[in-house]
Amino acid sequence: MTVLYGVSPASDSATQYMTTANVTANNMWGRIMSVRVTLNFINPLYALNKTGGQPATLQFIKVIGLMEHL
């Protein structure tokens, strides 16, 4: 699982996504507009012996807008 924060330095929409460490280092906690959550799943259809088949993992990505910025 990966969590990134959509921040906006000067506008009303997120212009970049940052990690927790980057948000803290740049003092951007008050400028977070959204949260992007990525879930990584092992693909049950992946087979090591087959070529050109399924990928080993699948991603589910969801961007969640924060209430005060909708």
PDB file of N, CA and C in Angstrom:
ATOM      1  N   MET A   1       0.845  -1.168   0.000  1.00  0.00           N
ATOM      2  CA  MET A   1       0.000   0.000   0.000  1.00  0.00           C
ATOM      3  C   MET A   1       0.893   1.234   0.000  1.00  0.00           C
ATOM      4  N   THR A   2       0.519   2.198  -0.812  1.00  0.00           N
ATOM      5  CA  THR A   2       1.242   3.465  -0.881  1.00  0.00           C
ATOM      6  C   THR A   2       0.246   4.600  -0.692  1.00  0.00           C
ATOM      7  N   VAL A   3       0.607   5.586   0.101  1.00  0.00           N
ATOM      8  CA  VAL A   3      -0.223   6.770   0.308  1.00  0.00           C
ATOM      9  C   VAL A   3       0.582   7.994  -0.103  1.00  0.00           C
ATOM     10  N   LEU A   4       0.023   8.788  -1.014  1.00  0.00           N
ATOM     11  CA  LEU A   4       0.628  10.047  -1.430  1.00  0.00           C
ATOM     12  C   LEU A   4      -0.390  11.151  -1.213  1.00  0.00           C
ATOM     13  N   TYR A   5       0.097  12.352  -0.950  1.00  0.00           N
ATOM     14  CA  TYR A   5      -0.766  13.489  -0.673  1.00  0.00           C
ATOM     15  C   TYR A   5      -0.727  14.459  -1.838  1.00  0.00           C
ATOM     16  N   GLY A   6      -1.907  14.819  -2.342  1.00  0.00           N
ATOM     17  CA  GLY A   6      -1.999  15.814  -3.409  1.00  0.00           C
ATOM     18  C   GLY A   6      -1.938  17.188  -2.787  1.00  0.00           C
ATOM     19  N   VAL A   7      -0.907  17.952  -3.116  1.00  0.00           N
ATOM     20  CA  VAL A   7      -0.726  19.282  -2.521  1.00  0.00           C
ATOM     21  C   VAL A   7      -0.817  20.365  -3.582  1.00  0.00           C
ATOM     22  N   SER A   8      -1.157  21.536  -3.117  1.00  0.00           N
ATOM     23  CA  SER A   8      -1.287  22.694  -3.976  1.00  0.00           C
ATOM     24  C   SER A   8      -0.525  23.855  -3.352  1.00  0.00           C
ATOM     25  N   PRO A   9       0.612  24.216  -3.917  1.00  0.00           N
ATOM     26  CA  PRO A   9       1.381  25.323  -3.357  1.00  0.00           C
ATOM     27  C   PRO A   9       0.650  26.669  -3.421  1.00  0.00           C
ATOM     28  N   ALA A  10      -0.132  26.909  -4.498  1.00  0.00           N
ATOM     29  CA  ALA A  10      -0.716  28.240  -4.642  1.00  0.00           C
ATOM     30  C   ALA A  10      -2.101  28.265  -5.265  1.00  0.00           C
ATOM     31  N   SER A  11      -2.658  27.115  -5.655  1.00  0.00           N
ATOM     32  CA  SER A  11      -3.964  27.137  -6.322  1.00  0.00           C
ATOM     33  C   SER A  11      -4.970  26.287  -5.564  1.00  0.00           C
ATOM     34  N   ASP A  12      -6.145  26.087  -6.178  1.00  0.00           N
ATOM     35  CA  ASP A  12      -7.204  25.330  -5.526  1.00  0.00           C
ATOM     36  C   ASP A  12      -7.244  23.865  -5.945  1.00  0.00           C
ATOM     37  N   SER A  13      -6.269  23.409  -6.710  1.00  0.00           N
ATOM     38  CA  SER A  13      -6.242  22.003  -7.101  1.00  0.00           C
ATOM     39  C   SER A  13      -4.839  21.439  -6.899  1.00  0.00           C
ATOM     40  N   ALA A  14      -4.775  20.138  -6.656  1.00  0.00           N
ATOM     41  CA  ALA A  14      -3.490  19.484  -6.415  1.00  0.00           C
ATOM     42  C   ALA A  14      -2.653  19.508  -7.692  1.00  0.00           C
ATOM     43  N   THR A  15      -1.418  19.941  -7.560  1.00  0.00           N
ATOM     44  CA  THR A  15      -0.525  19.999  -8.713  1.00  0.00           C
ATOM     45  C   THR A  15       0.570  18.953  -8.653  1.00  0.00           C
ATOM     46  N   GLN A  16       0.753  18.324  -7.490  1.00  0.00           N
ATOM     47  CA  GLN A  16       1.746  17.264  -7.348  1.00  0.00           C
ATOM     48  C   GLN A  16       1.385  16.381  -6.163  1.00  0.00           C
ATOM     49  N   TYR A  17       1.909  15.163  -6.193  1.00  0.00           N
ATOM     50  CA  TYR A  17       1.696  14.224  -5.097  1.00  0.00           C
ATOM     51  C   TYR A  17       3.008  14.032  -4.362  1.00  0.00           C
ATOM     52  N   MET A  18       2.934  14.053  -3.033  1.00  0.00           N
ATOM     53  CA  MET A  18       4.123  13.963  -2.192  1.00  0.00           C
ATOM     54  C   MET A  18       3.973  12.856  -1.158  1.00  0.00           C
ATOM     55  N   THR A  19       5.117  12.327  -0.733  1.00  0.00           N
ATOM     56  CA  THR A  19       5.136  11.375   0.375  1.00  0.00           C
ATOM     57  C   THR A  19       4.973  12.146   1.688  1.00  0.00           C
ATOM     58  N   THR A  20       4.766  11.409   2.757  1.00  0.00           N
ATOM     59  CA  THR A  20       4.653  12.029   4.085  1.00  0.00           C
ATOM     60  C   THR A  20       5.912  12.824   4.417  1.00  0.00           C
ATOM     61  N   ALA A  21       7.070  12.251   4.134  1.00  0.00           N
ATOM     62  CA  ALA A  21       8.342  12.926   4.428  1.00  0.00           C
ATOM     63  C   ALA A  21       8.476  14.230   3.650  1.00  0.00           C
ATOM     64  N   ASN A  22       8.073  14.238   2.376  1.00  0.00           N
ATOM     65  CA  ASN A  22       8.166  15.459   1.570  1.00  0.00           C
ATOM     66  C   ASN A  22       7.189  16.529   2.035  1.00  0.00           C
ATOM     67  N   VAL A  23       5.980  16.103   2.412  1.00  0.00           N
ATOM     68  CA  VAL A  23       4.995  17.069   2.924  1.00  0.00           C
ATOM     69  C   VAL A  23       5.524  17.722   4.193  1.00  0.00           C
ATOM     70  N   THR A  24       6.098  16.914   5.084  1.00  0.00           N
ATOM     71  CA  THR A  24       6.647  17.439   6.329  1.00  0.00           C
ATOM     72  C   THR A  24       7.837  18.354   6.060  1.00  0.00           C
ATOM     73  N   ALA A  25       8.762  17.930   5.200  1.00  0.00           N
ATOM     74  CA  ALA A  25       9.964  18.723   4.910  1.00  0.00           C
ATOM     75  C   ALA A  25       9.634  20.066   4.277  1.00  0.00           C
ATOM     76  N   ASN A  26       8.567  20.112   3.483  1.00  0.00           N
ATOM     77  CA  ASN A  26       8.175  21.351   2.810  1.00  0.00           C
ATOM     78  C   ASN A  26       7.078  22.108   3.545  1.00  0.00           C
ATOM     79  N   ASN A  27       6.695  21.619   4.738  1.00  0.00           N
ATOM     80  CA  ASN A  27       5.669  22.257   5.554  1.00  0.00           C
ATOM     81  C   ASN A  27       4.383  22.503   4.758  1.00  0.00           C
ATOM     82  N   MET A  28       3.889  21.435   4.096  1.00  0.00           N
ATOM     83  CA  MET A  28       2.726  21.544   3.215  1.00  0.00           C
ATOM     84  C   MET A  28       1.460  20.909   3.785  1.00  0.00           C
ATOM     85  N   TRP A  29       1.445  20.573   5.082  1.00  0.00           N
ATOM     86  CA  TRP A  29       0.278  19.893   5.648  1.00  0.00           C
ATOM     87  C   TRP A  29      -1.000  20.708   5.485  1.00  0.00           C
ATOM     88  N   GLY A  30      -0.913  21.998   5.500  1.00  0.00           N
ATOM     89  CA  GLY A  30      -2.092  22.847   5.330  1.00  0.00           C
ATOM     90  C   GLY A  30      -2.523  23.005   3.886  1.00  0.00           C
ATOM     91  N   ARG A  31      -1.755  22.479   2.943  1.00  0.00           N
ATOM     92  CA  ARG A  31      -2.043  22.620   1.509  1.00  0.00           C
ATOM     93  C   ARG A  31      -2.458  21.306   0.859  1.00  0.00           C
ATOM     94  N   ILE A  32      -2.798  20.303   1.655  1.00  0.00           N
ATOM     95  CA  ILE A  32      -3.216  19.011   1.100  1.00  0.00           C
ATOM     96  C   ILE A  32      -4.646  19.121   0.582  1.00  0.00           C
ATOM     97  N   MET A  33      -4.827  18.725  -0.685  1.00  0.00           N
ATOM     98  CA  MET A  33      -6.137  18.778  -1.336  1.00  0.00           C
ATOM     99  C   MET A  33      -6.771  17.390  -1.478  1.00  0.00           C
ATOM    100  N   SER A  34      -5.926  16.358  -1.559  1.00  0.00           N
ATOM    101  CA  SER A  34      -6.430  15.004  -1.768  1.00  0.00           C
ATOM    102  C   SER A  34      -5.417  13.987  -1.260  1.00  0.00           C
ATOM    103  N   VAL A  35      -5.864  12.738  -1.210  1.00  0.00           N
ATOM    104  CA  VAL A  35      -5.002  11.628  -0.822  1.00  0.00           C
ATOM    105  C   VAL A  35      -5.121  10.568  -1.907  1.00  0.00           C
ATOM    106  N   ARG A  36      -3.975  10.069  -2.375  1.00  0.00           N
ATOM    107  CA  ARG A  36      -3.959   9.016  -3.395  1.00  0.00           C
ATOM    108  C   ARG A  36      -3.470   7.726  -2.747  1.00  0.00           C
ATOM    109  N   VAL A  37      -4.338   6.719  -2.731  1.00  0.00           N
ATOM    110  CA  VAL A  37      -4.030   5.435  -2.120  1.00  0.00           C
ATOM    111  C   VAL A  37      -3.858   4.403  -3.231  1.00  0.00           C
ATOM    112  N   THR A  38      -2.741   3.698  -3.199  1.00  0.00           N
ATOM    113  CA  THR A  38      -2.486   2.633  -4.162  1.00  0.00           C
ATOM    114  C   THR A  38      -2.365   1.315  -3.411  1.00  0.00           C
ATOM    115  N   LEU A  39      -3.202   0.354  -3.786  1.00  0.00           N
ATOM    116  CA  LEU A  39      -3.142  -0.980  -3.207  1.00  0.00           C
ATOM    117  C   LEU A  39      -2.540  -1.919  -4.245  1.00  0.00           C
ATOM    118  N   ASN A  40      -1.550  -2.702  -3.856  1.00  0.00           N
ATOM    119  CA  ASN A  40      -0.895  -3.661  -4.738  1.00  0.00           C
ATOM    120  C   ASN A  40      -1.314  -5.069  -4.338  1.00  0.00           C
ATOM    121  N   PHE A  41      -1.816  -5.817  -5.320  1.00  0.00           N
ATOM    122  CA  PHE A  41      -2.290  -7.181  -5.080  1.00  0.00           C
ATOM    123  C   PHE A  41      -1.480  -8.166  -5.906  1.00  0.00           C
ATOM    124  N   ILE A  42      -1.262  -9.344  -5.375  1.00  0.00           N
ATOM    125  CA  ILE A  42      -0.657 -10.431  -6.135  1.00  0.00           C
ATOM    126  C   ILE A  42      -1.717 -10.947  -7.100  1.00  0.00           C
ATOM    127  N   ASN A  43      -1.356 -11.055  -8.356  1.00  0.00           N
ATOM    128  CA  ASN A  43      -2.284 -11.514  -9.381  1.00  0.00           C
ATOM    129  C   ASN A  43      -2.380 -13.046  -9.326  1.00  0.00           C
ATOM    130  N   PRO A  44      -3.564 -13.598  -9.027  1.00  0.00           N
ATOM    131  CA  PRO A  44      -3.691 -15.057  -8.948  1.00  0.00           C
ATOM    132  C   PRO A  44      -3.572 -15.740 -10.319  1.00  0.00           C
ATOM    133  N   LEU A  45      -3.677 -14.984 -11.404  1.00  0.00           N
ATOM    134  CA  LEU A  45      -3.576 -15.558 -12.748  1.00  0.00           C
ATOM    135  C   LEU A  45      -2.153 -15.571 -13.290  1.00  0.00           C
ATOM    136  N   TYR A  46      -1.231 -14.985 -12.519  1.00  0.00           N
ATOM    137  CA  TYR A  46       0.161 -14.937 -12.959  1.00  0.00           C
ATOM    138  C   TYR A  46       0.807 -16.315 -12.816  1.00  0.00           C
ATOM    139  N   ALA A  47       1.494 -16.728 -13.851  1.00  0.00           N
ATOM    140  CA  ALA A  47       2.209 -18.006 -13.795  1.00  0.00           C
ATOM    141  C   ALA A  47       3.649 -17.761 -14.224  1.00  0.00           C
ATOM    142  N   LEU A  48       4.604 -18.227 -13.434  1.00  0.00           N
ATOM    143  CA  LEU A  48       6.012 -18.000 -13.734  1.00  0.00           C
ATOM    144  C   LEU A  48       6.466 -18.688 -15.015  1.00  0.00           C
ATOM    145  N   ASN A  49       5.819 -19.758 -15.408  1.00  0.00           N
ATOM    146  CA  ASN A  49       6.263 -20.526 -16.560  1.00  0.00           C
ATOM    147  C   ASN A  49       5.674 -20.046 -17.881  1.00  0.00           C
ATOM    148  N   LYS A  50       4.811 -19.072 -17.867  1.00  0.00           N
ATOM    149  CA  LYS A  50       4.187 -18.595 -19.100  1.00  0.00           C
ATOM    150  C   LYS A  50       4.766 -17.240 -19.489  1.00  0.00           C
ATOM    151  N   THR A  51       4.941 -17.025 -20.775  1.00  0.00           N
ATOM    152  CA  THR A  51       5.440 -15.731 -21.259  1.00  0.00           C
ATOM    153  C   THR A  51       4.302 -14.965 -21.908  1.00  0.00           C
ATOM    154  N   GLY A  52       4.352 -13.653 -21.797  1.00  0.00           N
ATOM    155  CA  GLY A  52       3.333 -12.805 -22.406  1.00  0.00           C
ATOM    156  C   GLY A  52       1.971 -12.897 -21.753  1.00  0.00           C
ATOM    157  N   GLY A  53       1.935 -13.432 -20.572  1.00  0.00           N
ATOM    158  CA  GLY A  53       0.662 -13.613 -19.883  1.00  0.00           C
ATOM    159  C   GLY A  53       0.319 -12.451 -18.975  1.00  0.00           C
ATOM    160  N   GLN A  54      -0.118 -12.780 -17.822  1.00  0.00           N
ATOM    161  CA  GLN A  54      -0.574 -11.807 -16.837  1.00  0.00           C
ATOM    162  C   GLN A  54       0.592 -11.170 -16.085  1.00  0.00           C
ATOM    163  N   PRO A  55       0.414  -9.916 -15.613  1.00  0.00           N
ATOM    164  CA  PRO A  55       1.445  -9.314 -14.762  1.00  0.00           C
ATOM    165  C   PRO A  55       1.447  -9.972 -13.377  1.00  0.00           C
ATOM    166  N   ALA A  56       2.572  -9.885 -12.691  1.00  0.00           N
ATOM    167  CA  ALA A  56       2.710 -10.506 -11.375  1.00  0.00           C
ATOM    168  C   ALA A  56       1.854  -9.819 -10.316  1.00  0.00           C
ATOM    169  N   THR A  57       1.669  -8.512 -10.458  1.00  0.00           N
ATOM    170  CA  THR A  57       0.857  -7.770  -9.492  1.00  0.00           C
ATOM    171  C   THR A  57      -0.160  -6.889 -10.216  1.00  0.00           C
ATOM    172  N   LEU A  58      -1.201  -6.536  -9.493  1.00  0.00           N
ATOM    173  CA  LEU A  58      -2.235  -5.629  -9.994  1.00  0.00           C
ATOM    174  C   LEU A  58      -2.341  -4.459  -9.033  1.00  0.00           C
ATOM    175  N   GLN A  59      -2.605  -3.270  -9.579  1.00  0.00           N
ATOM    176  CA  GLN A  59      -2.747  -2.083  -8.736  1.00  0.00           C
ATOM    177  C   GLN A  59      -4.182  -1.574  -8.770  1.00  0.00           C
ATOM    178  N   PHE A  60      -4.642  -1.110  -7.622  1.00  0.00           N
ATOM    179  CA  PHE A  60      -5.910  -0.397  -7.500  1.00  0.00           C
ATOM    180  C   PHE A  60      -5.561   0.971  -6.953  1.00  0.00           C
ATOM    181  N   ILE A  61      -5.874   2.024  -7.711  1.00  0.00           N
ATOM    182  CA  ILE A  61      -5.533   3.394  -7.318  1.00  0.00           C
ATOM    183  C   ILE A  61      -6.817   4.179  -7.113  1.00  0.00           C
ATOM    184  N   LYS A  62      -6.909   4.869  -5.986  1.00  0.00           N
ATOM    185  CA  LYS A  62      -8.070   5.695  -5.664  1.00  0.00           C
ATOM    186  C   LYS A  62      -7.592   7.052  -5.175  1.00  0.00           C
ATOM    187  N   VAL A  63      -8.115   8.115  -5.770  1.00  0.00           N
ATOM    188  CA  VAL A  63      -7.822   9.472  -5.313  1.00  0.00           C
ATOM    189  C   VAL A  63      -9.041   9.953  -4.534  1.00  0.00           C
ATOM    190  N   ILE A  64      -8.810  10.390  -3.316  1.00  0.00           N
ATOM    191  CA  ILE A  64      -9.872  10.813  -2.417  1.00  0.00           C
ATOM    192  C   ILE A  64      -9.729  12.293  -2.145  1.00  0.00           C
ATOM    193  N   GLY A  65     -10.721  13.071  -2.543  1.00  0.00           N
ATOM    194  CA  GLY A  65     -10.720  14.506  -2.280  1.00  0.00           C
ATOM    195  C   GLY A  65     -11.079  14.772  -0.829  1.00  0.00           C
ATOM    196  N   LEU A  66     -10.453  15.740  -0.233  1.00  0.00           N
ATOM    197  CA  LEU A  66     -10.771  16.081   1.159  1.00  0.00           C
ATOM    198  C   LEU A  66     -11.990  16.992   1.186  1.00  0.00           C
ATOM    199  N   MET A  67     -12.817  16.843   2.191  1.00  0.00           N
ATOM    200  CA  MET A  67     -14.114  17.528   2.270  1.00  0.00           C
ATOM    201  C   MET A  67     -14.018  19.038   2.069  1.00  0.00           C
ATOM    202  N   GLU A  68     -13.075  19.664   2.683  1.00  0.00           N
ATOM    203  CA  GLU A  68     -13.011  21.131   2.593  1.00  0.00           C
ATOM    204  C   GLU A  68     -12.554  21.617   1.222  1.00  0.00           C
ATOM    205  N   HIS A  69     -12.100  20.694   0.355  1.00  0.00           N
ATOM    206  CA  HIS A  69     -11.601  21.085  -0.960  1.00  0.00           C
ATOM    207  C   HIS A  69     -12.433  20.545  -2.103  1.00  0.00           C
ATOM    208  N   LEU A  70     -13.621  19.980  -1.837  1.00  0.00           N
ATOM    209  CA  LEU A  70     -14.476  19.451  -2.891  1.00  0.00           C
ATOM    210  C   LEU A  70     -15.296  20.549  -3.509  1.00  0.00           C
TER     211      LEU A  70
END
